[in-house]
Amino acid sequence: MPIENEQKFILSLDAEEDIKNSCPMFFKIQQGYISNNARIRITTQLNGQTIYEFIFKYKTQDNITFVTSPKITEEDFGILRNEVKSVILKTKYILYTNAGEWEVNFLKNEFDETYFVLAEYEMPAWQSRPDTIPDVIQKHLLKIVDKEDASFTNKRLSNEAYAVKKLKVILDKKDAVVKKTKIRVRKIKDA
């Protein structure tokens, strides 16, 4: 059972074209949440192949997260679908770098409109953060999520209103920093 050790990054909503041009591979994903630990997922690949999975996550008392995601049949998926409490739709792009694989998820509403962009970098258990951030991620970076911050899980972000509210807070803080910087620069020029 692999250990999950990821760093999350929130990107601007206008990132999709740049990411698409940098990533040769993407998938359409529909993920349904059954409980805090269990979810089901349909992944549609470029070739049209559909993969059904049952995903189970477990966090230990030492804050180590284990994840397993065996494939299941379409029939089993249909049975479990009745247990789903919330659903997230996303387009996942895979960005390959010398340092490893980045996943960039564009969370979509039922009209295929992006309402949130979340990049994730999976690391070995011993690594605390990525060595580098790819330029295309850096260009659209709004926030590096603190690893202990559970407010940016896919399950929580499956609620579009919640995700949009979180994004607005980030953008408001970013705007405030820009305004403060401009005021400081103006004061220095006036001095």
C-alpha atoms as a PDB file:
ATOM      1  CA  MET A   1       0.000   0.000   0.000  1.00  0.00           C
ATOM      2  CA  PRO A   2       1.705   3.231  -1.101  1.00  0.00           C
ATOM      3  CA  ILE A   3       2.223   6.119   1.264  1.00  0.00           C
ATOM      4  CA  GLU A   4       0.769   9.414   0.073  1.00  0.00           C
ATOM      5  CA  ASN A   5       3.136  12.351   0.510  1.00  0.00           C
ATOM      6  CA  GLU A   6       2.018  15.215  -1.663  1.00  0.00           C
ATOM      7  CA  GLN A   7       2.356  18.964  -1.852  1.00  0.00           C
ATOM      8  CA  LYS A   8      -0.581  20.939  -3.239  1.00  0.00           C
ATOM      9  CA  PHE A   9      -0.449  24.183  -5.194  1.00  0.00           C
ATOM     10  CA  ILE A  10      -3.371  26.419  -6.102  1.00  0.00           C
ATOM     11  CA  LEU A  11      -3.169  27.884  -9.585  1.00  0.00           C
ATOM     12  CA  SER A  12      -5.045  30.645 -11.373  1.00  0.00           C
ATOM     13  CA  LEU A  13      -8.121  29.769 -13.408  1.00  0.00           C
ATOM     14  CA  ASP A  14      -6.430  30.926 -16.627  1.00  0.00           C
ATOM     15  CA  ALA A  15      -3.748  28.202 -16.449  1.00  0.00           C
ATOM     16  CA  GLU A  16      -5.415  25.551 -18.605  1.00  0.00           C
ATOM     17  CA  GLU A  17      -4.078  26.575 -22.025  1.00  0.00           C
ATOM     18  CA  ASP A  18      -0.473  26.787 -20.781  1.00  0.00           C
ATOM     19  CA  ILE A  19      -0.795  23.496 -18.909  1.00  0.00           C
ATOM     20  CA  LYS A  20      -2.412  21.790 -21.914  1.00  0.00           C
ATOM     21  CA  ASN A  21       0.486  22.933 -24.128  1.00  0.00           C
ATOM     22  CA  SER A  22       3.018  21.546 -21.614  1.00  0.00           C
ATOM     23  CA  CYS A  23       1.338  18.201 -20.949  1.00  0.00           C
ATOM     24  CA  PRO A  24       1.050  15.463 -23.555  1.00  0.00           C
ATOM     25  CA  MET A  25      -1.325  13.419 -21.420  1.00  0.00           C
ATOM     26  CA  PHE A  26      -4.641  14.152 -19.746  1.00  0.00           C
ATOM     27  CA  PHE A  27      -7.586  12.228 -18.357  1.00  0.00           C
ATOM     28  CA  LYS A  28     -11.238  12.977 -17.631  1.00  0.00           C
ATOM     29  CA  ILE A  29     -12.125  11.888 -14.106  1.00  0.00           C
ATOM     30  CA  GLN A  30     -15.381  11.552 -12.223  1.00  0.00           C
ATOM     31  CA  GLN A  31     -14.797  10.740  -8.551  1.00  0.00           C
ATOM     32  CA  GLY A  32     -17.534   9.975  -6.050  1.00  0.00           C
ATOM     33  CA  TYR A  33     -17.077  10.165  -2.286  1.00  0.00           C
ATOM     34  CA  ILE A  34     -18.705   7.392  -0.274  1.00  0.00           C
ATOM     35  CA  SER A  35     -17.143   8.232   3.109  1.00  0.00           C
ATOM     36  CA  ASN A  36     -14.111  10.049   4.497  1.00  0.00           C
ATOM     37  CA  ASN A  37     -11.939   7.094   3.504  1.00  0.00           C
ATOM     38  CA  ALA A  38     -13.681   5.515   0.509  1.00  0.00           C
ATOM     39  CA  ARG A  39     -14.326   6.776  -3.003  1.00  0.00           C
ATOM     40  CA  ILE A  40     -14.953   5.462  -6.491  1.00  0.00           C
ATOM     41  CA  ARG A  41     -13.513   6.846  -9.700  1.00  0.00           C
ATOM     42  CA  ILE A  42     -14.064   6.597 -13.451  1.00  0.00           C
ATOM     43  CA  THR A  43     -11.025   7.620 -15.476  1.00  0.00           C
ATOM     44  CA  THR A  44     -11.417   8.090 -19.229  1.00  0.00           C
ATOM     45  CA  GLN A  45      -8.116   7.974 -21.073  1.00  0.00           C
ATOM     46  CA  LEU A  46      -7.185   9.651 -24.362  1.00  0.00           C
ATOM     47  CA  ASN A  47      -7.819   6.417 -26.262  1.00  0.00           C
ATOM     48  CA  GLY A  48     -11.353   6.277 -24.845  1.00  0.00           C
ATOM     49  CA  GLN A  49     -10.593   3.411 -22.461  1.00  0.00           C
ATOM     50  CA  THR A  50     -12.488   3.662 -19.186  1.00  0.00           C
ATOM     51  CA  ILE A  51     -11.009   2.503 -15.885  1.00  0.00           C
ATOM     52  CA  TYR A  52     -13.136   1.958 -12.769  1.00  0.00           C
ATOM     53  CA  GLU A  53     -11.446   2.116  -9.357  1.00  0.00           C
ATOM     54  CA  PHE A  54     -12.282   1.840  -5.675  1.00  0.00           C
ATOM     55  CA  ILE A  55      -9.965   4.080  -3.635  1.00  0.00           C
ATOM     56  CA  PHE A  56      -9.345   3.738   0.054  1.00  0.00           C
ATOM     57  CA  LYS A  57      -7.311   6.230   2.118  1.00  0.00           C
ATOM     58  CA  TYR A  58      -6.303   5.764   5.710  1.00  0.00           C
ATOM     59  CA  LYS A  59      -4.418   8.249   7.896  1.00  0.00           C
ATOM     60  CA  THR A  60      -2.481   6.840  10.859  1.00  0.00           C
ATOM     61  CA  GLN A  61      -2.076   8.497  14.262  1.00  0.00           C
ATOM     62  CA  ASP A  62       1.393   9.540  13.052  1.00  0.00           C
ATOM     63  CA  ASN A  63      -0.241  11.485  10.182  1.00  0.00           C
ATOM     64  CA  ILE A  64       0.924   9.048   7.493  1.00  0.00           C
ATOM     65  CA  THR A  65      -1.609   8.503   4.723  1.00  0.00           C
ATOM     66  CA  PHE A  66      -1.884   5.148   2.967  1.00  0.00           C
ATOM     67  CA  VAL A  67      -3.755   4.872  -0.338  1.00  0.00           C
ATOM     68  CA  THR A  68      -4.817   1.894  -2.395  1.00  0.00           C
ATOM     69  CA  SER A  69      -6.848   2.016  -5.610  1.00  0.00           C
ATOM     70  CA  PRO A  70      -7.659  -1.388  -7.104  1.00  0.00           C
ATOM     71  CA  LYS A  71      -9.570  -1.613 -10.359  1.00  0.00           C
ATOM     72  CA  ILE A  72     -13.169  -2.785 -10.124  1.00  0.00           C
ATOM     73  CA  THR A  73     -15.758  -3.847 -12.684  1.00  0.00           C
ATOM     74  CA  GLU A  74     -18.300  -1.498 -14.216  1.00  0.00           C
ATOM     75  CA  GLU A  75     -21.014  -3.524 -12.442  1.00  0.00           C
ATOM     76  CA  ASP A  76     -19.333  -3.091  -9.040  1.00  0.00           C
ATOM     77  CA  PHE A  77     -18.961   0.606  -9.778  1.00  0.00           C
ATOM     78  CA  GLY A  78     -22.696   0.796 -10.479  1.00  0.00           C
ATOM     79  CA  ILE A  79     -23.500  -0.790  -7.125  1.00  0.00           C
ATOM     80  CA  LEU A  80     -21.175   1.574  -5.231  1.00  0.00           C
ATOM     81  CA  ARG A  81     -22.461   4.629  -7.143  1.00  0.00           C
ATOM     82  CA  ASN A  82     -25.650   4.431  -5.065  1.00  0.00           C
ATOM     83  CA  GLU A  83     -23.547   5.097  -1.932  1.00  0.00           C
ATOM     84  CA  VAL A  84     -21.926   8.307  -3.261  1.00  0.00           C
ATOM     85  CA  LYS A  85     -22.561  11.482  -1.244  1.00  0.00           C
ATOM     86  CA  SER A  86     -20.652  13.996  -3.403  1.00  0.00           C
ATOM     87  CA  VAL A  87     -18.961  13.986  -6.809  1.00  0.00           C
ATOM     88  CA  ILE A  88     -16.040  15.857  -8.310  1.00  0.00           C
ATOM     89  CA  LEU A  89     -15.448  16.216 -12.046  1.00  0.00           C
ATOM     90  CA  LYS A  90     -11.953  17.060 -13.203  1.00  0.00           C
ATOM     91  CA  THR A  91      -9.586  17.091 -16.108  1.00  0.00           C
ATOM     92  CA  LYS A  92      -6.193  15.846 -14.924  1.00  0.00           C
ATOM     93  CA  TYR A  93      -3.054  16.767 -16.860  1.00  0.00           C
ATOM     94  CA  ILE A  94       0.221  14.960 -16.188  1.00  0.00           C
ATOM     95  CA  LEU A  95       3.355  17.115 -16.378  1.00  0.00           C
ATOM     96  CA  TYR A  96       6.581  15.119 -16.539  1.00  0.00           C
ATOM     97  CA  THR A  97       9.758  16.761 -15.228  1.00  0.00           C
ATOM     98  CA  ASN A  98      13.261  15.526 -14.429  1.00  0.00           C
ATOM     99  CA  ALA A  99      12.319  15.707 -10.752  1.00  0.00           C
ATOM    100  CA  GLY A 100       9.119  13.686 -11.126  1.00  0.00           C
ATOM    101  CA  GLU A 101       5.487  13.764 -12.131  1.00  0.00           C
ATOM    102  CA  TRP A 102       3.125  16.655 -11.453  1.00  0.00           C
ATOM    103  CA  GLU A 103      -0.663  16.339 -11.658  1.00  0.00           C
ATOM    104  CA  VAL A 104      -2.671  19.439 -12.496  1.00  0.00           C
ATOM    105  CA  ASN A 105      -6.404  19.086 -11.833  1.00  0.00           C
ATOM    106  CA  PHE A 106      -8.949  21.442 -13.358  1.00  0.00           C
ATOM    107  CA  LEU A 107     -12.086  21.013 -11.279  1.00  0.00           C
ATOM    108  CA  LYS A 108     -15.164  21.344 -13.466  1.00  0.00           C
ATOM    109  CA  ASN A 109     -18.833  21.991 -12.913  1.00  0.00           C
ATOM    110  CA  GLU A 110     -21.605  20.212 -14.822  1.00  0.00           C
ATOM    111  CA  PHE A 111     -21.178  22.728 -17.695  1.00  0.00           C
ATOM    112  CA  ASP A 112     -17.465  21.773 -18.053  1.00  0.00           C
ATOM    113  CA  GLU A 113     -16.409  25.176 -16.691  1.00  0.00           C
ATOM    114  CA  THR A 114     -13.300  25.299 -14.514  1.00  0.00           C
ATOM    115  CA  TYR A 115     -13.958  26.618 -11.020  1.00  0.00           C
ATOM    116  CA  PHE A 116     -10.680  25.638  -9.280  1.00  0.00           C
ATOM    117  CA  VAL A 117      -7.171  24.531 -10.283  1.00  0.00           C
ATOM    118  CA  LEU A 118      -5.098  22.319  -8.007  1.00  0.00           C
ATOM    119  CA  ALA A 119      -1.622  21.024  -8.840  1.00  0.00           C
ATOM    120  CA  GLU A 120      -0.187  18.126  -6.829  1.00  0.00           C
ATOM    121  CA  TYR A 121       3.320  16.778  -6.592  1.00  0.00           C
ATOM    122  CA  GLU A 122       3.797  13.286  -5.158  1.00  0.00           C
ATOM    123  CA  MET A 123       7.063  12.866  -3.261  1.00  0.00           C
ATOM    124  CA  PRO A 124       8.936  10.017  -1.630  1.00  0.00           C
ATOM    125  CA  ALA A 125       8.015   9.627   2.056  1.00  0.00           C
ATOM    126  CA  TRP A 126      11.294  11.244   3.183  1.00  0.00           C
ATOM    127  CA  GLN A 127      10.897  14.408   1.061  1.00  0.00           C
ATOM    128  CA  SER A 128       9.201  17.451   2.604  1.00  0.00           C
ATOM    129  CA  ARG A 129       8.767  19.634  -0.518  1.00  0.00           C
ATOM    130  CA  PRO A 130       9.607  19.632  -4.233  1.00  0.00           C
ATOM    131  CA  ASP A 131      13.165  20.585  -5.157  1.00  0.00           C
ATOM    132  CA  THR A 132      11.869  22.832  -7.944  1.00  0.00           C
ATOM    133  CA  ILE A 133       8.544  24.079  -9.259  1.00  0.00           C
ATOM    134  CA  PRO A 134       8.125  23.910 -13.050  1.00  0.00           C
ATOM    135  CA  ASP A 135       7.910  27.284 -14.800  1.00  0.00           C
ATOM    136  CA  VAL A 136       4.398  26.625 -16.099  1.00  0.00           C
ATOM    137  CA  ILE A 137       3.216  25.966 -12.519  1.00  0.00           C
ATOM    138  CA  GLN A 138       5.163  28.936 -11.136  1.00  0.00           C
ATOM    139  CA  LYS A 139       3.619  31.244 -13.772  1.00  0.00           C
ATOM    140  CA  HIS A 140       0.087  30.562 -12.476  1.00  0.00           C
ATOM    141  CA  LEU A 141       0.867  29.915  -8.801  1.00  0.00           C
ATOM    142  CA  LEU A 142      -1.450  31.586  -6.287  1.00  0.00           C
ATOM    143  CA  LYS A 143      -0.680  29.612  -3.148  1.00  0.00           C
ATOM    144  CA  ILE A 144       1.426  26.727  -1.866  1.00  0.00           C
ATOM    145  CA  VAL A 145      -0.856  24.811   0.467  1.00  0.00           C
ATOM    146  CA  ASP A 146       0.564  24.008   3.888  1.00  0.00           C
ATOM    147  CA  LYS A 147       0.776  20.212   4.154  1.00  0.00           C
ATOM    148  CA  GLU A 148      -1.319  20.193   7.346  1.00  0.00           C
ATOM    149  CA  ASP A 149      -4.075  22.308   5.736  1.00  0.00           C
ATOM    150  CA  ALA A 150      -6.993  19.943   5.111  1.00  0.00           C
ATOM    151  CA  SER A 151      -9.242  22.631   3.635  1.00  0.00           C
ATOM    152  CA  PHE A 152      -8.053  21.881   0.073  1.00  0.00           C
ATOM    153  CA  THR A 153      -8.919  18.210  -0.232  1.00  0.00           C
ATOM    154  CA  ASN A 154     -10.645  17.118  -3.422  1.00  0.00           C
ATOM    155  CA  LYS A 155     -13.611  16.017  -1.333  1.00  0.00           C
ATOM    156  CA  ARG A 156     -14.066  19.507   0.093  1.00  0.00           C
ATOM    157  CA  LEU A 157     -13.374  21.143  -3.255  1.00  0.00           C
ATOM    158  CA  SER A 158     -16.076  18.986  -4.871  1.00  0.00           C
ATOM    159  CA  ASN A 159     -18.463  21.585  -3.433  1.00  0.00           C
ATOM    160  CA  GLU A 160     -18.167  24.324  -6.063  1.00  0.00           C
ATOM    161  CA  ALA A 161     -19.484  27.109  -3.791  1.00  0.00           C
ATOM    162  CA  TYR A 162     -16.927  26.183  -1.108  1.00  0.00           C
ATOM    163  CA  ALA A 163     -14.074  26.049  -3.649  1.00  0.00           C
ATOM    164  CA  VAL A 164     -14.998  29.403  -5.209  1.00  0.00           C
ATOM    165  CA  LYS A 165     -15.160  30.987  -1.745  1.00  0.00           C
ATOM    166  CA  LYS A 166     -11.689  29.600  -0.867  1.00  0.00           C
ATOM    167  CA  LEU A 167     -10.304  30.893  -4.173  1.00  0.00           C
ATOM    168  CA  LYS A 168     -11.788  34.345  -3.563  1.00  0.00           C
ATOM    169  CA  VAL A 169     -10.067  34.534  -0.140  1.00  0.00           C
ATOM    170  CA  ILE A 170      -6.727  33.634  -1.761  1.00  0.00           C
ATOM    171  CA  LEU A 171      -7.180  36.206  -4.517  1.00  0.00           C
ATOM    172  CA  ASP A 172      -8.239  38.906  -2.022  1.00  0.00           C
ATOM    173  CA  LYS A 173      -5.111  38.247   0.070  1.00  0.00           C
ATOM    174  CA  LYS A 174      -2.930  38.315  -3.037  1.00  0.00           C
ATOM    175  CA  ASP A 175      -4.511  41.622  -4.128  1.00  0.00           C
ATOM    176  CA  ALA A 176      -3.923  43.090  -0.651  1.00  0.00           C
ATOM    177  CA  VAL A 177      -0.228  42.137  -0.825  1.00  0.00           C
ATOM    178  CA  VAL A 178       0.093  43.705  -4.282  1.00  0.00           C
ATOM    179  CA  LYS A 179      -1.602  46.912  -3.077  1.00  0.00           C
ATOM    180  CA  LYS A 180       0.634  47.114   0.013  1.00  0.00           C
ATOM    181  CA  THR A 181       3.708  46.601  -2.169  1.00  0.00           C
ATOM    182  CA  LYS A 182       2.595  49.359  -4.560  1.00  0.00           C
ATOM    183  CA  ILE A 183       1.986  51.730  -1.618  1.00  0.00           C
ATOM    184  CA  ARG A 184       5.470  50.949  -0.218  1.00  0.00           C
ATOM    185  CA  VAL A 185       7.066  51.533  -3.634  1.00  0.00           C
ATOM    186  CA  ARG A 186       5.170  54.818  -4.001  1.00  0.00           C
ATOM    187  CA  LYS A 187       6.311  55.942  -0.517  1.00  0.00           C
ATOM    188  CA  ILE A 188       9.927  55.085  -1.348  1.00  0.00           C
ATOM    189  CA  LYS A 189       9.717  57.014  -4.641  1.00  0.00           C
ATOM    190  CA  ASP A 190       8.153  60.025  -2.845  1.00  0.00           C
ATOM    191  CA  ALA A 191      10.819  60.049  -0.130  1.00  0.00           C
END
